[in-house]
Amino acid sequence: MAEERVRAVVVEFVRGVDGVSGQVSGAASFDELGVDSMSTMDLLDKVEREFGVAIPDEALPLIVTIQDLVDFVVSAKQKQGVNP
């Protein structure tokens, strides 16, 4: 259930980015969706605030797809002992 909630929020945020339209799937990369680097940073900031997690700079190259971001948030919340 927690992963579905995180995915729904991330997809909602991605759909709010200018230029993003159509189907947004977990396997889609931010580049494929037309999300530029500034919009990606804004998106990550929203996710950090929504879920109370910090995304360190060294994790950024590993977060390429929507699923990568969902997995990162779920893992970070589990480490905090909290169900997202």
PDB file of N, CA and C in Angstrom:
ATOM      1  N   MET A   1       0.822  -1.199   0.000  1.00  0.00           N
ATOM      2  CA  MET A   1       0.000   0.000   0.000  1.00  0.00           C
ATOM      3  C   MET A   1       0.863   1.259   0.000  1.00  0.00           C
ATOM      4  N   ALA A   2       1.937   1.265   0.781  1.00  0.00           N
ATOM      5  CA  ALA A   2       2.776   2.453   0.891  1.00  0.00           C
ATOM      6  C   ALA A   2       3.400   2.818  -0.451  1.00  0.00           C
ATOM      7  N   GLU A   3       3.885   1.812  -1.166  1.00  0.00           N
ATOM      8  CA  GLU A   3       4.513   2.093  -2.453  1.00  0.00           C
ATOM      9  C   GLU A   3       3.502   2.689  -3.429  1.00  0.00           C
ATOM     10  N   GLU A   4       2.273   2.214  -3.403  1.00  0.00           N
ATOM     11  CA  GLU A   4       1.245   2.749  -4.299  1.00  0.00           C
ATOM     12  C   GLU A   4       0.966   4.214  -3.993  1.00  0.00           C
ATOM     13  N   ARG A   5       0.946   4.566  -2.701  1.00  0.00           N
ATOM     14  CA  ARG A   5       0.712   5.961  -2.320  1.00  0.00           C
ATOM     15  C   ARG A   5       1.850   6.845  -2.813  1.00  0.00           C
ATOM     16  N   VAL A   6       3.070   6.410  -2.600  1.00  0.00           N
ATOM     17  CA  VAL A   6       4.232   7.182  -3.049  1.00  0.00           C
ATOM     18  C   VAL A   6       4.179   7.355  -4.559  1.00  0.00           C
ATOM     19  N   ARG A   7       3.903   6.263  -5.285  1.00  0.00           N
ATOM     20  CA  ARG A   7       3.834   6.330  -6.745  1.00  0.00           C
ATOM     21  C   ARG A   7       2.753   7.310  -7.195  1.00  0.00           C
ATOM     22  N   ALA A   8       1.588   7.259  -6.567  1.00  0.00           N
ATOM     23  CA  ALA A   8       0.494   8.148  -6.953  1.00  0.00           C
ATOM     24  C   ALA A   8       0.880   9.618  -6.762  1.00  0.00           C
ATOM     25  N   VAL A   9       1.538   9.920  -5.650  1.00  0.00           N
ATOM     26  CA  VAL A   9       1.950  11.305  -5.387  1.00  0.00           C
ATOM     27  C   VAL A   9       3.029  11.736  -6.380  1.00  0.00           C
ATOM     28  N   VAL A  10       4.011  10.880  -6.634  1.00  0.00           N
ATOM     29  CA  VAL A  10       5.084  11.214  -7.572  1.00  0.00           C
ATOM     30  C   VAL A  10       4.508  11.424  -8.974  1.00  0.00           C
ATOM     31  N   VAL A  11       3.625  10.544  -9.412  1.00  0.00           N
ATOM     32  CA  VAL A  11       3.009  10.685 -10.741  1.00  0.00           C
ATOM     33  C   VAL A  11       2.200  11.978 -10.809  1.00  0.00           C
ATOM     34  N   GLU A  12       1.479  12.306  -9.756  1.00  0.00           N
ATOM     35  CA  GLU A  12       0.722  13.561  -9.726  1.00  0.00           C
ATOM     36  C   GLU A  12       1.664  14.759  -9.867  1.00  0.00           C
ATOM     37  N   PHE A  13       2.771  14.744  -9.145  1.00  0.00           N
ATOM     38  CA  PHE A  13       3.749  15.822  -9.242  1.00  0.00           C
ATOM     39  C   PHE A  13       4.330  15.902 -10.646  1.00  0.00           C
ATOM     40  N   VAL A  14       4.665  14.750 -11.248  1.00  0.00           N
ATOM     41  CA  VAL A  14       5.238  14.730 -12.595  1.00  0.00           C
ATOM     42  C   VAL A  14       4.235  15.284 -13.599  1.00  0.00           C
ATOM     43  N   ARG A  15       2.987  14.920 -13.471  1.00  0.00           N
ATOM     44  CA  ARG A  15       1.965  15.438 -14.400  1.00  0.00           C
ATOM     45  C   ARG A  15       1.812  16.946 -14.295  1.00  0.00           C
ATOM     46  N   GLY A  16       2.193  17.507 -13.156  1.00  0.00           N
ATOM     47  CA  GLY A  16       2.120  18.956 -12.960  1.00  0.00           C
ATOM     48  C   GLY A  16       3.261  19.730 -13.590  1.00  0.00           C
ATOM     49  N   VAL A  17       4.265  19.027 -14.088  1.00  0.00           N
ATOM     50  CA  VAL A  17       5.416  19.681 -14.717  1.00  0.00           C
ATOM     51  C   VAL A  17       5.024  20.124 -16.119  1.00  0.00           C
ATOM     52  N   ASP A  18       5.354  21.357 -16.470  1.00  0.00           N
ATOM     53  CA  ASP A  18       5.062  21.863 -17.812  1.00  0.00           C
ATOM     54  C   ASP A  18       5.656  20.960 -18.883  1.00  0.00           C
ATOM     55  N   GLY A  19       4.863  20.664 -19.895  1.00  0.00           N
ATOM     56  CA  GLY A  19       5.326  19.861 -21.013  1.00  0.00           C
ATOM     57  C   GLY A  19       5.086  18.377 -20.872  1.00  0.00           C
ATOM     58  N   VAL A  20       4.680  17.914 -19.699  1.00  0.00           N
ATOM     59  CA  VAL A  20       4.432  16.493 -19.498  1.00  0.00           C
ATOM     60  C   VAL A  20       2.964  16.216 -19.805  1.00  0.00           C
ATOM     61  N   SER A  21       2.737  15.270 -20.697  1.00  0.00           N
ATOM     62  CA  SER A  21       1.366  14.894 -21.024  1.00  0.00           C
ATOM     63  C   SER A  21       1.326  13.419 -21.368  1.00  0.00           C
ATOM     64  N   GLY A  22       0.153  12.869 -21.389  1.00  0.00           N
ATOM     65  CA  GLY A  22       0.007  11.466 -21.741  1.00  0.00           C
ATOM     66  C   GLY A  22       0.252  10.545 -20.572  1.00  0.00           C
ATOM     67  N   GLN A  23       0.529   9.297 -20.899  1.00  0.00           N
ATOM     68  CA  GLN A  23       0.727   8.243 -19.903  1.00  0.00           C
ATOM     69  C   GLN A  23       2.047   8.437 -19.170  1.00  0.00           C
ATOM     70  N   VAL A  24       1.988   8.394 -17.852  1.00  0.00           N
ATOM     71  CA  VAL A  24       3.189   8.483 -17.021  1.00  0.00           C
ATOM     72  C   VAL A  24       3.333   7.154 -16.305  1.00  0.00           C
ATOM     73  N   SER A  25       4.350   6.368 -16.707  1.00  0.00           N
ATOM     74  CA  SER A  25       4.543   5.054 -16.098  1.00  0.00           C
ATOM     75  C   SER A  25       5.788   5.060 -15.227  1.00  0.00           C
ATOM     76  N   GLY A  26       5.878   4.081 -14.353  1.00  0.00           N
ATOM     77  CA  GLY A  26       7.008   3.973 -13.446  1.00  0.00           C
ATOM     78  C   GLY A  26       8.327   3.761 -14.159  1.00  0.00           C
ATOM     79  N   ALA A  27       8.286   3.117 -15.312  1.00  0.00           N
ATOM     80  CA  ALA A  27       9.514   2.823 -16.049  1.00  0.00           C
ATOM     81  C   ALA A  27      10.024   4.014 -16.844  1.00  0.00           C
ATOM     82  N   ALA A  28       9.202   5.044 -16.969  1.00  0.00           N
ATOM     83  CA  ALA A  28       9.587   6.202 -17.769  1.00  0.00           C
ATOM     84  C   ALA A  28      10.661   7.017 -17.063  1.00  0.00           C
ATOM     85  N   SER A  29      11.675   7.409 -17.828  1.00  0.00           N
ATOM     86  CA  SER A  29      12.706   8.283 -17.254  1.00  0.00           C
ATOM     87  C   SER A  29      12.199   9.721 -17.315  1.00  0.00           C
ATOM     88  N   PHE A  30      12.780  10.543 -16.475  1.00  0.00           N
ATOM     89  CA  PHE A  30      12.391  11.953 -16.478  1.00  0.00           C
ATOM     90  C   PHE A  30      12.722  12.580 -17.827  1.00  0.00           C
ATOM     91  N   ASP A  31      13.842  12.169 -18.443  1.00  0.00           N
ATOM     92  CA  ASP A  31      14.209  12.668 -19.773  1.00  0.00           C
ATOM     93  C   ASP A  31      13.150  12.290 -20.807  1.00  0.00           C
ATOM     94  N   GLU A  32      12.710  11.032 -20.782  1.00  0.00           N
ATOM     95  CA  GLU A  32      11.691  10.568 -21.738  1.00  0.00           C
ATOM     96  C   GLU A  32      10.397  11.360 -21.614  1.00  0.00           C
ATOM     97  N   LEU A  33      10.108  11.789 -20.395  1.00  0.00           N
ATOM     98  CA  LEU A  33       8.885  12.542 -20.161  1.00  0.00           C
ATOM     99  C   LEU A  33       9.037  14.023 -20.486  1.00  0.00           C
ATOM    100  N   GLY A  34      10.253  14.436 -20.800  1.00  0.00           N
ATOM    101  CA  GLY A  34      10.499  15.835 -21.139  1.00  0.00           C
ATOM    102  C   GLY A  34      10.682  16.724 -19.922  1.00  0.00           C
ATOM    103  N   VAL A  35      11.046  16.118 -18.796  1.00  0.00           N
ATOM    104  CA  VAL A  35      11.276  16.881 -17.572  1.00  0.00           C
ATOM    105  C   VAL A  35      12.733  17.341 -17.584  1.00  0.00           C
ATOM    106  N   ASP A  36      12.937  18.659 -17.659  1.00  0.00           N
ATOM    107  CA  ASP A  36      14.305  19.175 -17.690  1.00  0.00           C
ATOM    108  C   ASP A  36      14.925  19.167 -16.296  1.00  0.00           C
ATOM    109  N   SER A  37      16.194  19.521 -16.219  1.00  0.00           N
ATOM    110  CA  SER A  37      16.923  19.413 -14.946  1.00  0.00           C
ATOM    111  C   SER A  37      16.343  20.329 -13.865  1.00  0.00           C
ATOM    112  N   MET A  38      15.927  21.525 -14.223  1.00  0.00           N
ATOM    113  CA  MET A  38      15.332  22.432 -13.224  1.00  0.00           C
ATOM    114  C   MET A  38      14.008  21.870 -12.709  1.00  0.00           C
ATOM    115  N   SER A  39      13.203  21.354 -13.608  1.00  0.00           N
ATOM    116  CA  SER A  39      11.922  20.767 -13.199  1.00  0.00           C
ATOM    117  C   SER A  39      12.144  19.517 -12.358  1.00  0.00           C
ATOM    118  N   THR A  40      13.184  18.753 -12.675  1.00  0.00           N
ATOM    119  CA  THR A  40      13.505  17.570 -11.871  1.00  0.00           C
ATOM    120  C   THR A  40      13.869  17.982 -10.455  1.00  0.00           C
ATOM    121  N   MET A  41      14.664  19.029 -10.309  1.00  0.00           N
ATOM    122  CA  MET A  41      15.045  19.499  -8.973  1.00  0.00           C
ATOM    123  C   MET A  41      13.818  19.988  -8.204  1.00  0.00           C
ATOM    124  N   ASP A  42      12.915  20.698  -8.888  1.00  0.00           N
ATOM    125  CA  ASP A  42      11.676  21.136  -8.244  1.00  0.00           C
ATOM    126  C   ASP A  42      10.846  19.933  -7.805  1.00  0.00           C
ATOM    127  N   LEU A  43      10.772  18.934  -8.664  1.00  0.00           N
ATOM    128  CA  LEU A  43      10.028  17.713  -8.359  1.00  0.00           C
ATOM    129  C   LEU A  43      10.619  17.013  -7.133  1.00  0.00           C
ATOM    130  N   LEU A  44      11.933  16.880  -7.102  1.00  0.00           N
ATOM    131  CA  LEU A  44      12.578  16.224  -5.965  1.00  0.00           C
ATOM    132  C   LEU A  44      12.352  17.010  -4.676  1.00  0.00           C
ATOM    133  N   ASP A  45      12.363  18.331  -4.771  1.00  0.00           N
ATOM    134  CA  ASP A  45      12.095  19.170  -3.594  1.00  0.00           C
ATOM    135  C   ASP A  45      10.675  18.929  -3.076  1.00  0.00           C
ATOM    136  N   LYS A  46       9.717  18.857  -3.975  1.00  0.00           N
ATOM    137  CA  LYS A  46       8.327  18.582  -3.566  1.00  0.00           C
ATOM    138  C   LYS A  46       8.216  17.222  -2.887  1.00  0.00           C
ATOM    139  N   VAL A  47       8.884  16.229  -3.451  1.00  0.00           N
ATOM    140  CA  VAL A  47       8.846  14.877  -2.886  1.00  0.00           C
ATOM    141  C   VAL A  47       9.485  14.868  -1.496  1.00  0.00           C
ATOM    142  N   GLU A  48      10.607  15.562  -1.350  1.00  0.00           N
ATOM    143  CA  GLU A  48      11.265  15.639  -0.045  1.00  0.00           C
ATOM    144  C   GLU A  48      10.329  16.238   1.004  1.00  0.00           C
ATOM    145  N   ARG A  49       9.669  17.323   0.637  1.00  0.00           N
ATOM    146  CA  ARG A  49       8.752  17.974   1.586  1.00  0.00           C
ATOM    147  C   ARG A  49       7.517  17.121   1.871  1.00  0.00           C
ATOM    148  N   GLU A  50       6.981  16.496   0.853  1.00  0.00           N
ATOM    149  CA  GLU A  50       5.765  15.688   1.016  1.00  0.00           C
ATOM    150  C   GLU A  50       5.998  14.491   1.935  1.00  0.00           C
ATOM    151  N   PHE A  51       7.146  13.849   1.773  1.00  0.00           N
ATOM    152  CA  PHE A  51       7.391  12.602   2.494  1.00  0.00           C
ATOM    153  C   PHE A  51       8.395  12.737   3.639  1.00  0.00           C
ATOM    154  N   GLY A  52       8.951  13.932   3.827  1.00  0.00           N
ATOM    155  CA  GLY A  52       9.875  14.134   4.931  1.00  0.00           C
ATOM    156  C   GLY A  52      11.156  13.338   4.801  1.00  0.00           C
ATOM    157  N   VAL A  53      11.662  13.260   3.577  1.00  0.00           N
ATOM    158  CA  VAL A  53      12.924  12.562   3.332  1.00  0.00           C
ATOM    159  C   VAL A  53      13.916  13.535   2.707  1.00  0.00           C
ATOM    160  N   ALA A  54      15.185  13.236   2.867  1.00  0.00           N
ATOM    161  CA  ALA A  54      16.230  14.013   2.210  1.00  0.00           C
ATOM    162  C   ALA A  54      16.823  13.153   1.103  1.00  0.00           C
ATOM    163  N   ILE A  55      16.951  13.751  -0.071  1.00  0.00           N
ATOM    164  CA  ILE A  55      17.566  13.054  -1.196  1.00  0.00           C
ATOM    165  C   ILE A  55      18.964  13.650  -1.356  1.00  0.00           C
ATOM    166  N   PRO A  56      19.998  12.916  -0.921  1.00  0.00           N
ATOM    167  CA  PRO A  56      21.356  13.461  -0.983  1.00  0.00           C
ATOM    168  C   PRO A  56      21.856  13.573  -2.418  1.00  0.00           C
ATOM    169  N   ASP A  57      22.777  14.501  -2.623  1.00  0.00           N
ATOM    170  CA  ASP A  57      23.328  14.719  -3.963  1.00  0.00           C
ATOM    171  C   ASP A  57      23.888  13.449  -4.587  1.00  0.00           C
ATOM    172  N   GLU A  58      24.492  12.591  -3.758  1.00  0.00           N
ATOM    173  CA  GLU A  58      25.096  11.378  -4.324  1.00  0.00           C
ATOM    174  C   GLU A  58      24.038  10.380  -4.822  1.00  0.00           C
ATOM    175  N   ALA A  59      22.793  10.547  -4.420  1.00  0.00           N
ATOM    176  CA  ALA A  59      21.721   9.666  -4.890  1.00  0.00           C
ATOM    177  C   ALA A  59      21.129  10.143  -6.214  1.00  0.00           C
ATOM    178  N   LEU A  60      21.336  11.395  -6.551  1.00  0.00           N
ATOM    179  CA  LEU A  60      20.697  11.962  -7.744  1.00  0.00           C
ATOM    180  C   LEU A  60      21.006  11.211  -9.032  1.00  0.00           C
ATOM    181  N   PRO A  61      22.259  10.803  -9.287  1.00  0.00           N
ATOM    182  CA  PRO A  61      22.513  10.065 -10.533  1.00  0.00           C
ATOM    183  C   PRO A  61      21.806   8.708 -10.596  1.00  0.00           C
ATOM    184  N   LEU A  62      21.387   8.194  -9.449  1.00  0.00           N
ATOM    185  CA  LEU A  62      20.717   6.897  -9.407  1.00  0.00           C
ATOM    186  C   LEU A  62      19.205   7.005  -9.603  1.00  0.00           C
ATOM    187  N   ILE A  63      18.686   8.214  -9.535  1.00  0.00           N
ATOM    188  CA  ILE A  63      17.240   8.425  -9.673  1.00  0.00           C
ATOM    189  C   ILE A  63      16.972   8.915 -11.092  1.00  0.00           C
ATOM    190  N   VAL A  64      16.702   7.956 -11.967  1.00  0.00           N
ATOM    191  CA  VAL A  64      16.543   8.234 -13.391  1.00  0.00           C
ATOM    192  C   VAL A  64      15.081   8.117 -13.810  1.00  0.00           C
ATOM    193  N   THR A  65      14.370   7.170 -13.199  1.00  0.00           N
ATOM    194  CA  THR A  65      12.978   6.911 -13.573  1.00  0.00           C
ATOM    195  C   THR A  65      12.049   7.234 -12.407  1.00  0.00           C
ATOM    196  N   ILE A  66      10.778   7.253 -12.690  1.00  0.00           N
ATOM    197  CA  ILE A  66       9.780   7.442 -11.642  1.00  0.00           C
ATOM    198  C   ILE A  66       9.886   6.329 -10.612  1.00  0.00           C
ATOM    199  N   GLN A  67      10.079   5.091 -11.068  1.00  0.00           N
ATOM    200  CA  GLN A  67      10.197   3.972 -10.136  1.00  0.00           C
ATOM    201  C   GLN A  67      11.422   4.112  -9.252  1.00  0.00           C
ATOM    202  N   ASP A  68      12.527   4.625  -9.798  1.00  0.00           N
ATOM    203  CA  ASP A  68      13.723   4.866  -8.984  1.00  0.00           C
ATOM    204  C   ASP A  68      13.393   5.808  -7.825  1.00  0.00           C
ATOM    205  N   LEU A  69      12.654   6.860  -8.124  1.00  0.00           N
ATOM    206  CA  LEU A  69      12.292   7.833  -7.095  1.00  0.00           C
ATOM    207  C   LEU A  69      11.352   7.210  -6.072  1.00  0.00           C
ATOM    208  N   VAL A  70      10.375   6.457  -6.536  1.00  0.00           N
ATOM    209  CA  VAL A  70       9.449   5.768  -5.625  1.00  0.00           C
ATOM    210  C   VAL A  70      10.227   4.821  -4.716  1.00  0.00           C
ATOM    211  N   ASP A  71      11.112   4.023  -5.294  1.00  0.00           N
ATOM    212  CA  ASP A  71      11.907   3.078  -4.499  1.00  0.00           C
ATOM    213  C   ASP A  71      12.762   3.801  -3.465  1.00  0.00           C
ATOM    214  N   PHE A  72      13.351   4.928  -3.856  1.00  0.00           N
ATOM    215  CA  PHE A  72      14.185   5.692  -2.920  1.00  0.00           C
ATOM    216  C   PHE A  72      13.356   6.175  -1.737  1.00  0.00           C
ATOM    217  N   VAL A  73      12.189   6.745  -2.011  1.00  0.00           N
ATOM    218  CA  VAL A  73      11.335   7.273  -0.938  1.00  0.00           C
ATOM    219  C   VAL A  73      10.875   6.152  -0.011  1.00  0.00           C
ATOM    220  N   VAL A  74      10.418   5.056  -0.571  1.00  0.00           N
ATOM    221  CA  VAL A  74       9.946   3.928   0.246  1.00  0.00           C
ATOM    222  C   VAL A  74      11.079   3.415   1.130  1.00  0.00           C
ATOM    223  N   SER A  75      12.269   3.263   0.565  1.00  0.00           N
ATOM    224  CA  SER A  75      13.412   2.796   1.330  1.00  0.00           C
ATOM    225  C   SER A  75      13.784   3.778   2.444  1.00  0.00           C
ATOM    226  N   ALA A  76      13.793   5.059   2.123  1.00  0.00           N
ATOM    227  CA  ALA A  76      14.136   6.077   3.121  1.00  0.00           C
ATOM    228  C   ALA A  76      13.129   6.082   4.270  1.00  0.00           C
ATOM    229  N   LYS A  77      11.859   5.933   3.955  1.00  0.00           N
ATOM    230  CA  LYS A  77      10.838   5.917   5.006  1.00  0.00           C
ATOM    231  C   LYS A  77      10.953   4.660   5.855  1.00  0.00           C
ATOM    232  N   GLN A  78      11.273   3.536   5.240  1.00  0.00           N
ATOM    233  CA  GLN A  78      11.458   2.300   5.996  1.00  0.00           C
ATOM    234  C   GLN A  78      12.637   2.425   6.950  1.00  0.00           C
ATOM    235  N   LYS A  79      13.713   3.087   6.513  1.00  0.00           N
ATOM    236  CA  LYS A  79      14.874   3.315   7.376  1.00  0.00           C
ATOM    237  C   LYS A  79      14.509   4.204   8.557  1.00  0.00           C
ATOM    238  N   GLN A  80      13.532   5.089   8.344  1.00  0.00           N
ATOM    239  CA  GLN A  80      13.053   5.961   9.430  1.00  0.00           C
ATOM    240  C   GLN A  80      12.083   5.215  10.340  1.00  0.00           C
ATOM    241  N   GLY A  81      11.707   4.012   9.920  1.00  0.00           N
ATOM    242  CA  GLY A  81      10.742   3.234  10.701  1.00  0.00           C
ATOM    243  C   GLY A  81       9.320   3.714  10.519  1.00  0.00           C
ATOM    244  N   VAL A  82       9.076   4.360   9.376  1.00  0.00           N
ATOM    245  CA  VAL A  82       7.764   4.932   9.103  1.00  0.00           C
ATOM    246  C   VAL A  82       7.241   4.356   7.797  1.00  0.00           C
ATOM    247  N   ASN A  83       5.948   4.095   7.765  1.00  0.00           N
ATOM    248  CA  ASN A  83       5.304   3.639   6.545  1.00  0.00           C
ATOM    249  C   ASN A  83       4.815   4.855   5.780  1.00  0.00           C
ATOM    250  N   PRO A  84       5.303   5.080   4.550  1.00  0.00           N
ATOM    251  CA  PRO A  84       4.901   6.298   3.814  1.00  0.00           C
ATOM    252  C   PRO A  84       3.477   6.266   3.496  1.00  0.00           C
TER     253      PRO A  84
END
